[in-house]
Amino acid sequence: MGLFDNVDKLIQETEDSIENVIPLKKGTPVKVGVDLGTAYTVLVVCDVEGKPLCCRLRRTQIVRDGLVVDFITARQIVAELKEEAEELLGIELTHAAIAVPPGTHGSNTKTHQYVVEGAGMEVVAIEDEPTAANQVLKIENGAVVDIGGGTTGISIFKDGKVIYTADEATGGTHFTYVVAGHFRIPIDEAEDMKTNPEHYKNIYSLVTPVVQKVASIINTNIVNYDIDKIILCGGTACLQNIEKIIENETSIKTLKPKNPFLVTPLGIALACPPR
């Protein structure tokens, strides 16, 4: 069995639950995760065993460098995703887990919490993003790197426990800016181009320096640790061959599941105590 066989199966089930949702009996306990991302906001619902039941997502611009910058819109979007999921599942969602970039403290964490609570769900767990992702990845030893839209978060694991976390403001948004600037196109159009595999050859050389910057961030934060593998997740990790560039820059085996985008949102849901 391959390293990511179970991961890919879970992620495929999460993808399937975007279109295919099976209604539940009222009162059925569930686990709920809300991921307030730079490019997308995602809500995932799982059963008590961790099986994905429903996934709702929306492209957003409510977070910048890991911080909520549009509270009212963020709360509205989460409320809409909650309502969509409730209608499809036939139950009320009363609680959720959330995640924040590593090193986020105080009012910045509270803002994420207030968004979800303002949308009508009690926040019952708060994780850092790479650690949440490892709820899915199950890495015992190595570095989990969550490359999101605004930041790159790193959690180092030893014997299944987090021994170090870090986060720096470089991510997919920076890739988009490079593409938009080169082709002189709007940001939304550049985002579409960046995420379309058909344009990979056109943008690869443009975004490689930004990927190298991400690799530099990883190198700086793992230098004092014995790391034998790096696992990538997050929407930006979907970029074709990003793992090869990072492996070349770090000289450490670098891997990613088939679809890194939904790893963290699913992991947040798995970290939620069921109710």
C-alpha atoms as a PDB file:
ATOM      1  CA  MET A   1       0.000   0.000   0.000  1.00  0.00           C
ATOM      2  CA  GLY A   2       1.334   3.434  -0.952  1.00  0.00           C
ATOM      3  CA  LEU A   3       1.920   6.280   1.502  1.00  0.00           C
ATOM      4  CA  PHE A   4      -1.117   8.209   0.306  1.00  0.00           C
ATOM      5  CA  ASP A   5      -3.570   5.411  -0.582  1.00  0.00           C
ATOM      6  CA  ASN A   6      -5.872   6.102   2.368  1.00  0.00           C
ATOM      7  CA  VAL A   7      -5.384   9.857   2.024  1.00  0.00           C
ATOM      8  CA  ASP A   8      -6.344   9.824  -1.645  1.00  0.00           C
ATOM      9  CA  LYS A   9      -9.396   7.697  -0.853  1.00  0.00           C
ATOM     10  CA  LEU A  10     -10.564  10.144   1.827  1.00  0.00           C
ATOM     11  CA  ILE A  11      -9.962  13.145  -0.410  1.00  0.00           C
ATOM     12  CA  GLN A  12     -11.850  11.496  -3.259  1.00  0.00           C
ATOM     13  CA  GLU A  13     -14.766  10.900  -0.889  1.00  0.00           C
ATOM     14  CA  THR A  14     -14.599  14.581   0.097  1.00  0.00           C
ATOM     15  CA  GLU A  15     -14.645  15.627  -3.568  1.00  0.00           C
ATOM     16  CA  ASP A  16     -17.580  13.307  -4.202  1.00  0.00           C
ATOM     17  CA  SER A  17     -19.480  14.878  -1.306  1.00  0.00           C
ATOM     18  CA  ILE A  18     -19.537  18.202  -3.141  1.00  0.00           C
ATOM     19  CA  GLU A  19     -22.072  16.793  -5.589  1.00  0.00           C
ATOM     20  CA  ASN A  20     -23.436  13.729  -3.770  1.00  0.00           C
ATOM     21  CA  VAL A  21     -24.796  14.321  -0.279  1.00  0.00           C
ATOM     22  CA  ILE A  22     -26.852  11.703   1.592  1.00  0.00           C
ATOM     23  CA  PRO A  23     -29.425  13.218   4.005  1.00  0.00           C
ATOM     24  CA  LEU A  24     -29.088  12.313   7.687  1.00  0.00           C
ATOM     25  CA  LYS A  25     -31.605  11.681  10.432  1.00  0.00           C
ATOM     26  CA  LYS A  26     -32.178  14.687  12.651  1.00  0.00           C
ATOM     27  CA  GLY A  27     -29.959  14.568  15.711  1.00  0.00           C
ATOM     28  CA  THR A  28     -27.197  12.563  13.972  1.00  0.00           C
ATOM     29  CA  PRO A  29     -23.859  13.637  15.507  1.00  0.00           C
ATOM     30  CA  VAL A  30     -21.322  15.048  13.054  1.00  0.00           C
ATOM     31  CA  LYS A  31     -17.884  16.627  12.896  1.00  0.00           C
ATOM     32  CA  VAL A  32     -17.644  20.017  11.123  1.00  0.00           C
ATOM     33  CA  GLY A  33     -14.610  21.946   9.898  1.00  0.00           C
ATOM     34  CA  VAL A  34     -14.410  25.474   8.498  1.00  0.00           C
ATOM     35  CA  ASP A  35     -11.310  26.583   6.602  1.00  0.00           C
ATOM     36  CA  LEU A  36     -11.134  30.355   6.054  1.00  0.00           C
ATOM     37  CA  GLY A  37      -8.634  30.458   3.212  1.00  0.00           C
ATOM     38  CA  THR A  38      -7.114  33.234   1.151  1.00  0.00           C
ATOM     39  CA  ALA A  39      -8.544  31.946  -2.131  1.00  0.00           C
ATOM     40  CA  TYR A  40     -11.357  29.655  -0.939  1.00  0.00           C
ATOM     41  CA  THR A  41     -13.517  29.175   2.138  1.00  0.00           C
ATOM     42  CA  VAL A  42     -14.416  25.514   2.674  1.00  0.00           C
ATOM     43  CA  LEU A  43     -16.871  23.782   5.014  1.00  0.00           C
ATOM     44  CA  VAL A  44     -16.596  20.008   5.465  1.00  0.00           C
ATOM     45  CA  VAL A  45     -18.952  17.734   7.402  1.00  0.00           C
ATOM     46  CA  CYS A  46     -17.950  14.195   8.448  1.00  0.00           C
ATOM     47  CA  ASP A  47     -19.668  11.468  10.441  1.00  0.00           C
ATOM     48  CA  VAL A  48     -18.319  10.370  13.814  1.00  0.00           C
ATOM     49  CA  GLU A  49     -16.045   7.832  12.098  1.00  0.00           C
ATOM     50  CA  GLY A  50     -14.496  10.518   9.902  1.00  0.00           C
ATOM     51  CA  LYS A  51     -16.259   9.691   6.636  1.00  0.00           C
ATOM     52  CA  PRO A  52     -16.846  12.852   4.557  1.00  0.00           C
ATOM     53  CA  LEU A  53     -20.568  13.582   4.149  1.00  0.00           C
ATOM     54  CA  CYS A  54     -20.752  17.058   2.638  1.00  0.00           C
ATOM     55  CA  CYS A  55     -18.327  19.640   1.282  1.00  0.00           C
ATOM     56  CA  ARG A  56     -19.265  23.201   0.350  1.00  0.00           C
ATOM     57  CA  LEU A  57     -16.787  25.781  -0.932  1.00  0.00           C
ATOM     58  CA  ARG A  58     -16.670  29.305  -2.279  1.00  0.00           C
ATOM     59  CA  ARG A  59     -13.943  31.384  -3.907  1.00  0.00           C
ATOM     60  CA  THR A  60     -13.252  34.294  -1.559  1.00  0.00           C
ATOM     61  CA  GLN A  61     -10.971  37.222  -0.825  1.00  0.00           C
ATOM     62  CA  ILE A  62     -11.643  37.549   2.886  1.00  0.00           C
ATOM     63  CA  VAL A  63      -8.228  36.545   4.242  1.00  0.00           C
ATOM     64  CA  ARG A  64      -4.831  38.062   3.547  1.00  0.00           C
ATOM     65  CA  ASP A  65      -1.576  36.572   4.859  1.00  0.00           C
ATOM     66  CA  GLY A  66      -3.590  34.385   7.224  1.00  0.00           C
ATOM     67  CA  LEU A  67      -5.605  37.263   8.727  1.00  0.00           C
ATOM     68  CA  VAL A  68      -9.312  37.965   8.206  1.00  0.00           C
ATOM     69  CA  VAL A  69      -9.569  41.340   6.440  1.00  0.00           C
ATOM     70  CA  ASP A  70     -13.303  41.351   5.608  1.00  0.00           C
ATOM     71  CA  PHE A  71     -15.191  40.140   8.656  1.00  0.00           C
ATOM     72  CA  ILE A  72     -18.716  40.890   7.422  1.00  0.00           C
ATOM     73  CA  THR A  73     -18.278  39.117   4.078  1.00  0.00           C
ATOM     74  CA  ALA A  74     -16.491  36.203   5.782  1.00  0.00           C
ATOM     75  CA  ARG A  75     -19.356  35.720   8.232  1.00  0.00           C
ATOM     76  CA  GLN A  76     -21.919  35.917   5.422  1.00  0.00           C
ATOM     77  CA  ILE A  77     -20.101  33.327   3.290  1.00  0.00           C
ATOM     78  CA  VAL A  78     -19.719  30.871   6.174  1.00  0.00           C
ATOM     79  CA  ALA A  79     -23.401  31.334   7.022  1.00  0.00           C
ATOM     80  CA  GLU A  80     -24.330  30.596   3.395  1.00  0.00           C
ATOM     81  CA  LEU A  81     -22.155  27.471   3.274  1.00  0.00           C
ATOM     82  CA  LYS A  82     -23.653  26.329   6.586  1.00  0.00           C
ATOM     83  CA  GLU A  83     -27.188  26.840   5.243  1.00  0.00           C
ATOM     84  CA  GLU A  84     -26.373  24.931   2.035  1.00  0.00           C
ATOM     85  CA  ALA A  85     -24.949  22.000   3.998  1.00  0.00           C
ATOM     86  CA  GLU A  86     -27.878  21.964   6.426  1.00  0.00           C
ATOM     87  CA  GLU A  87     -30.397  21.883   3.585  1.00  0.00           C
ATOM     88  CA  LEU A  88     -28.580  19.021   1.867  1.00  0.00           C
ATOM     89  CA  LEU A  89     -27.985  16.995   5.033  1.00  0.00           C
ATOM     90  CA  GLY A  90     -31.315  17.711   6.709  1.00  0.00           C
ATOM     91  CA  ILE A  91     -29.727  18.532  10.068  1.00  0.00           C
ATOM     92  CA  GLU A  92     -28.638  21.667  11.923  1.00  0.00           C
ATOM     93  CA  LEU A  93     -24.902  22.365  12.210  1.00  0.00           C
ATOM     94  CA  THR A  94     -24.300  23.757  15.685  1.00  0.00           C
ATOM     95  CA  HIS A  95     -20.542  23.518  16.099  1.00  0.00           C
ATOM     96  CA  ALA A  96     -17.270  23.495  14.143  1.00  0.00           C
ATOM     97  CA  ALA A  97     -13.513  23.298  14.363  1.00  0.00           C
ATOM     98  CA  ILE A  98     -11.329  25.955  12.741  1.00  0.00           C
ATOM     99  CA  ALA A  99      -7.646  26.314  11.904  1.00  0.00           C
ATOM    100  CA  VAL A 100      -5.234  29.236  11.769  1.00  0.00           C
ATOM    101  CA  PRO A 101      -1.673  29.627  10.472  1.00  0.00           C
ATOM    102  CA  PRO A 102       1.015  28.449  12.931  1.00  0.00           C
ATOM    103  CA  GLY A 103       2.006  31.171  15.364  1.00  0.00           C
ATOM    104  CA  THR A 104      -1.346  32.982  15.126  1.00  0.00           C
ATOM    105  CA  HIS A 105      -2.351  34.237  18.557  1.00  0.00           C
ATOM    106  CA  GLY A 106      -4.728  36.508  20.424  1.00  0.00           C
ATOM    107  CA  SER A 107      -7.067  38.736  18.449  1.00  0.00           C
ATOM    108  CA  ASN A 108      -6.068  37.202  15.115  1.00  0.00           C
ATOM    109  CA  THR A 109      -7.258  33.774  16.276  1.00  0.00           C
ATOM    110  CA  LYS A 110     -10.334  35.317  17.863  1.00  0.00           C
ATOM    111  CA  THR A 111     -11.309  36.942  14.554  1.00  0.00           C
ATOM    112  CA  HIS A 112     -11.441  33.522  12.841  1.00  0.00           C
ATOM    113  CA  GLN A 113     -13.486  32.258  15.767  1.00  0.00           C
ATOM    114  CA  TYR A 114     -15.889  35.222  15.688  1.00  0.00           C
ATOM    115  CA  VAL A 115     -16.509  34.714  11.957  1.00  0.00           C
ATOM    116  CA  VAL A 116     -17.690  31.134  12.498  1.00  0.00           C
ATOM    117  CA  GLU A 117     -19.606  31.906  15.672  1.00  0.00           C
ATOM    118  CA  GLY A 118     -21.233  34.890  13.943  1.00  0.00           C
ATOM    119  CA  ALA A 119     -22.428  32.430  11.291  1.00  0.00           C
ATOM    120  CA  GLY A 120     -24.195  30.398  13.978  1.00  0.00           C
ATOM    121  CA  MET A 121     -21.746  27.651  14.998  1.00  0.00           C
ATOM    122  CA  GLU A 122     -19.897  27.259  18.280  1.00  0.00           C
ATOM    123  CA  VAL A 123     -16.144  26.864  17.778  1.00  0.00           C
ATOM    124  CA  VAL A 124     -15.175  23.742  19.719  1.00  0.00           C
ATOM    125  CA  ALA A 125     -11.579  23.228  18.508  1.00  0.00           C
ATOM    126  CA  ILE A 126      -8.794  25.394  17.063  1.00  0.00           C
ATOM    127  CA  GLU A 127      -5.792  23.833  15.301  1.00  0.00           C
ATOM    128  CA  ASP A 128      -2.878  25.219  13.340  1.00  0.00           C
ATOM    129  CA  GLU A 129      -3.287  24.424   9.653  1.00  0.00           C
ATOM    130  CA  PRO A 130      -0.439  21.929   9.034  1.00  0.00           C
ATOM    131  CA  THR A 131      -1.294  20.060  12.224  1.00  0.00           C
ATOM    132  CA  ALA A 132      -4.924  19.878  11.100  1.00  0.00           C
ATOM    133  CA  ALA A 133      -3.726  18.548   7.744  1.00  0.00           C
ATOM    134  CA  ASN A 134      -1.895  15.755   9.548  1.00  0.00           C
ATOM    135  CA  GLN A 135      -5.235  14.486  10.842  1.00  0.00           C
ATOM    136  CA  VAL A 136      -5.532  13.235   7.250  1.00  0.00           C
ATOM    137  CA  LEU A 137      -1.890  12.609   6.332  1.00  0.00           C
ATOM    138  CA  LYS A 138      -0.974  10.679   9.533  1.00  0.00           C
ATOM    139  CA  ILE A 139       2.739  11.511   9.240  1.00  0.00           C
ATOM    140  CA  GLU A 140       4.736  10.199  12.216  1.00  0.00           C
ATOM    141  CA  ASN A 141       8.052  11.819  11.333  1.00  0.00           C
ATOM    142  CA  GLY A 142       8.790  14.628   8.893  1.00  0.00           C
ATOM    143  CA  ALA A 143       7.613  18.100   7.937  1.00  0.00           C
ATOM    144  CA  VAL A 144       4.069  18.871   6.832  1.00  0.00           C
ATOM    145  CA  VAL A 145       4.033  22.048   4.747  1.00  0.00           C
ATOM    146  CA  ASP A 146       0.691  23.731   4.051  1.00  0.00           C
ATOM    147  CA  ILE A 147       1.137  26.125   1.117  1.00  0.00           C
ATOM    148  CA  GLY A 148      -2.008  28.199   1.140  1.00  0.00           C
ATOM    149  CA  GLY A 149      -3.019  31.293  -0.724  1.00  0.00           C
ATOM    150  CA  GLY A 150      -1.318  33.761   1.606  1.00  0.00           C
ATOM    151  CA  THR A 151       1.112  31.856   3.787  1.00  0.00           C
ATOM    152  CA  THR A 152       3.336  28.806   4.012  1.00  0.00           C
ATOM    153  CA  GLY A 153       2.847  26.932   7.274  1.00  0.00           C
ATOM    154  CA  ILE A 154       5.210  24.268   8.565  1.00  0.00           C
ATOM    155  CA  SER A 155       4.731  21.670  11.298  1.00  0.00           C
ATOM    156  CA  ILE A 156       7.534  19.273  12.171  1.00  0.00           C
ATOM    157  CA  PHE A 157       6.494  15.915  13.600  1.00  0.00           C
ATOM    158  CA  LYS A 158       8.495  13.429  15.639  1.00  0.00           C
ATOM    159  CA  ASP A 159       6.856  10.186  16.740  1.00  0.00           C
ATOM    160  CA  GLY A 160       3.504  11.635  15.740  1.00  0.00           C
ATOM    161  CA  LYS A 161       3.842  14.739  17.912  1.00  0.00           C
ATOM    162  CA  VAL A 162       4.348  18.351  16.840  1.00  0.00           C
ATOM    163  CA  ILE A 163       7.748  19.611  17.969  1.00  0.00           C
ATOM    164  CA  TYR A 164       7.934  22.832  15.926  1.00  0.00           C
ATOM    165  CA  THR A 165       5.630  25.131  13.936  1.00  0.00           C
ATOM    166  CA  ALA A 166       6.239  28.207  11.794  1.00  0.00           C
ATOM    167  CA  ASP A 167       4.441  30.338   9.221  1.00  0.00           C
ATOM    168  CA  GLU A 168       5.574  32.937   6.705  1.00  0.00           C
ATOM    169  CA  ALA A 169       3.701  35.169   4.288  1.00  0.00           C
ATOM    170  CA  THR A 170       4.408  33.587   0.920  1.00  0.00           C
ATOM    171  CA  GLY A 171       1.820  31.530  -0.935  1.00  0.00           C
ATOM    172  CA  GLY A 172      -0.419  31.127  -3.939  1.00  0.00           C
ATOM    173  CA  THR A 173      -1.491  34.771  -4.055  1.00  0.00           C
ATOM    174  CA  HIS A 174       2.102  35.693  -4.834  1.00  0.00           C
ATOM    175  CA  PHE A 175       2.063  33.202  -7.712  1.00  0.00           C
ATOM    176  CA  THR A 176      -1.113  34.874  -9.009  1.00  0.00           C
ATOM    177  CA  TYR A 177       0.428  38.359  -8.823  1.00  0.00           C
ATOM    178  CA  VAL A 178       3.404  37.186 -10.873  1.00  0.00           C
ATOM    179  CA  VAL A 179       1.125  35.706 -13.545  1.00  0.00           C
ATOM    180  CA  ALA A 180      -1.121  38.783 -13.600  1.00  0.00           C
ATOM    181  CA  GLY A 181       1.849  41.120 -13.914  1.00  0.00           C
ATOM    182  CA  HIS A 182       3.525  39.153 -16.690  1.00  0.00           C
ATOM    183  CA  PHE A 183       0.423  38.769 -18.852  1.00  0.00           C
ATOM    184  CA  ARG A 184      -1.087  42.119 -17.783  1.00  0.00           C
ATOM    185  CA  ILE A 185      -4.400  40.528 -16.875  1.00  0.00           C
ATOM    186  CA  PRO A 186      -6.797  40.944 -13.901  1.00  0.00           C
ATOM    187  CA  ILE A 187      -6.148  38.982 -10.716  1.00  0.00           C
ATOM    188  CA  ASP A 188      -9.224  36.757 -11.158  1.00  0.00           C
ATOM    189  CA  GLU A 189      -8.127  35.854 -14.687  1.00  0.00           C
ATOM    190  CA  ALA A 190      -4.606  35.150 -13.462  1.00  0.00           C
ATOM    191  CA  GLU A 191      -5.994  32.888 -10.717  1.00  0.00           C
ATOM    192  CA  ASP A 192      -7.943  30.918 -13.318  1.00  0.00           C
ATOM    193  CA  MET A 193      -4.838  30.602 -15.494  1.00  0.00           C
ATOM    194  CA  LYS A 194      -2.702  29.498 -12.547  1.00  0.00           C
ATOM    195  CA  THR A 195      -5.106  26.744 -11.542  1.00  0.00           C
ATOM    196  CA  ASN A 196      -5.734  25.443 -15.078  1.00  0.00           C
ATOM    197  CA  PRO A 197      -3.360  22.548 -15.922  1.00  0.00           C
ATOM    198  CA  GLU A 198      -3.558  23.499 -19.601  1.00  0.00           C
ATOM    199  CA  HIS A 199      -1.570  26.673 -18.842  1.00  0.00           C
ATOM    200  CA  TYR A 200       1.103  24.904 -16.806  1.00  0.00           C
ATOM    201  CA  LYS A 201       3.818  25.265 -19.450  1.00  0.00           C
ATOM    202  CA  ASN A 202       3.038  28.970 -19.817  1.00  0.00           C
ATOM    203  CA  ILE A 203       3.415  29.795 -16.137  1.00  0.00           C
ATOM    204  CA  TYR A 204       5.961  27.243 -14.884  1.00  0.00           C
ATOM    205  CA  SER A 205       9.038  29.388 -15.465  1.00  0.00           C
ATOM    206  CA  LEU A 206       7.239  32.476 -14.125  1.00  0.00           C
ATOM    207  CA  VAL A 207       6.304  30.986 -10.747  1.00  0.00           C
ATOM    208  CA  THR A 208       9.454  28.890 -10.226  1.00  0.00           C
ATOM    209  CA  PRO A 209      11.235  31.730  -8.339  1.00  0.00           C
ATOM    210  CA  VAL A 210       8.263  31.967  -5.946  1.00  0.00           C
ATOM    211  CA  VAL A 211       8.370  28.190  -5.398  1.00  0.00           C
ATOM    212  CA  GLN A 212      12.084  28.562  -4.687  1.00  0.00           C
ATOM    213  CA  LYS A 213      11.189  31.228  -2.116  1.00  0.00           C
ATOM    214  CA  VAL A 214       8.800  28.728  -0.472  1.00  0.00           C
ATOM    215  CA  ALA A 215      11.626  26.174  -0.463  1.00  0.00           C
ATOM    216  CA  SER A 216      13.884  28.754   1.175  1.00  0.00           C
ATOM    217  CA  ILE A 217      11.286  29.262   3.915  1.00  0.00           C
ATOM    218  CA  ILE A 218      11.158  25.506   4.457  1.00  0.00           C
ATOM    219  CA  ASN A 219      14.963  25.233   4.572  1.00  0.00           C
ATOM    220  CA  THR A 220      15.234  28.038   7.120  1.00  0.00           C
ATOM    221  CA  ASN A 221      12.726  26.407   9.453  1.00  0.00           C
ATOM    222  CA  ILE A 222      13.912  22.801   9.283  1.00  0.00           C
ATOM    223  CA  VAL A 223      17.660  23.431   9.425  1.00  0.00           C
ATOM    224  CA  ASN A 224      17.916  22.382  13.087  1.00  0.00           C
ATOM    225  CA  TYR A 225      15.893  19.182  12.662  1.00  0.00           C
ATOM    226  CA  ASP A 226      16.565  15.773  11.170  1.00  0.00           C
ATOM    227  CA  ILE A 227      13.927  15.679   8.416  1.00  0.00           C
ATOM    228  CA  ASP A 228      13.748  12.736   6.022  1.00  0.00           C
ATOM    229  CA  LYS A 229      10.629  13.805   4.101  1.00  0.00           C
ATOM    230  CA  ILE A 230       8.515  16.838   3.352  1.00  0.00           C
ATOM    231  CA  ILE A 231       4.788  16.424   2.719  1.00  0.00           C
ATOM    232  CA  LEU A 232       2.997  19.192   0.838  1.00  0.00           C
ATOM    233  CA  CYS A 233      -0.660  20.167   1.138  1.00  0.00           C
ATOM    234  CA  GLY A 234      -2.766  23.260   0.550  1.00  0.00           C
ATOM    235  CA  GLY A 235      -4.239  24.636  -2.656  1.00  0.00           C
ATOM    236  CA  THR A 236      -0.950  25.995  -3.977  1.00  0.00           C
ATOM    237  CA  ALA A 237       0.617  22.535  -3.681  1.00  0.00           C
ATOM    238  CA  CYS A 238      -1.679  21.516  -6.561  1.00  0.00           C
ATOM    239  CA  LEU A 239       0.747  23.250  -8.935  1.00  0.00           C
ATOM    240  CA  GLN A 240       2.180  20.549 -11.174  1.00  0.00           C
ATOM    241  CA  ASN A 241       5.732  19.516 -10.221  1.00  0.00           C
ATOM    242  CA  ILE A 242       5.967  21.925  -7.278  1.00  0.00           C
ATOM    243  CA  GLU A 243       7.232  19.000  -5.198  1.00  0.00           C
ATOM    244  CA  LYS A 244      10.116  18.457  -7.636  1.00  0.00           C
ATOM    245  CA  ILE A 245      11.280  22.070  -7.354  1.00  0.00           C
ATOM    246  CA  ILE A 246      11.121  21.974  -3.561  1.00  0.00           C
ATOM    247  CA  GLU A 247      12.923  18.634  -3.424  1.00  0.00           C
ATOM    248  CA  ASN A 248      15.652  20.033  -5.663  1.00  0.00           C
ATOM    249  CA  GLU A 249      16.050  23.101  -3.448  1.00  0.00           C
ATOM    250  CA  THR A 250      15.939  21.276  -0.088  1.00  0.00           C
ATOM    251  CA  SER A 251      17.612  17.983  -1.073  1.00  0.00           C
ATOM    252  CA  ILE A 252      14.892  16.244   0.985  1.00  0.00           C
ATOM    253  CA  LYS A 253      12.368  13.802  -0.467  1.00  0.00           C
ATOM    254  CA  THR A 254       9.206  15.835  -1.115  1.00  0.00           C
ATOM    255  CA  LEU A 255       5.792  14.270  -1.693  1.00  0.00           C
ATOM    256  CA  LYS A 256       2.148  15.264  -2.017  1.00  0.00           C
ATOM    257  CA  PRO A 257      -1.197  13.462  -2.327  1.00  0.00           C
ATOM    258  CA  LYS A 258      -3.114  13.554  -5.615  1.00  0.00           C
ATOM    259  CA  ASN A 259      -5.248  16.520  -4.518  1.00  0.00           C
ATOM    260  CA  PRO A 260      -3.574  18.582  -1.773  1.00  0.00           C
ATOM    261  CA  PHE A 261      -6.304  21.257  -1.795  1.00  0.00           C
ATOM    262  CA  LEU A 262      -8.858  19.529   0.431  1.00  0.00           C
ATOM    263  CA  VAL A 263      -6.399  17.942   2.882  1.00  0.00           C
ATOM    264  CA  THR A 264      -6.489  20.796   5.405  1.00  0.00           C
ATOM    265  CA  PRO A 265     -10.271  21.453   5.314  1.00  0.00           C
ATOM    266  CA  LEU A 266     -10.912  17.739   5.831  1.00  0.00           C
ATOM    267  CA  GLY A 267      -8.319  17.615   8.598  1.00  0.00           C
ATOM    268  CA  ILE A 268     -10.030  20.499  10.395  1.00  0.00           C
ATOM    269  CA  ALA A 269     -13.304  18.566  10.337  1.00  0.00           C
ATOM    270  CA  LEU A 270     -11.594  15.417  11.639  1.00  0.00           C
ATOM    271  CA  ALA A 271     -10.211  17.462  14.561  1.00  0.00           C
ATOM    272  CA  CYS A 272     -13.731  18.468  15.590  1.00  0.00           C
ATOM    273  CA  PRO A 273     -15.352  16.683  18.556  1.00  0.00           C
ATOM    274  CA  PRO A 274     -18.624  15.187  17.257  1.00  0.00           C
ATOM    275  CA  ARG A 275     -21.989  16.446  18.455  1.00  0.00           C
END
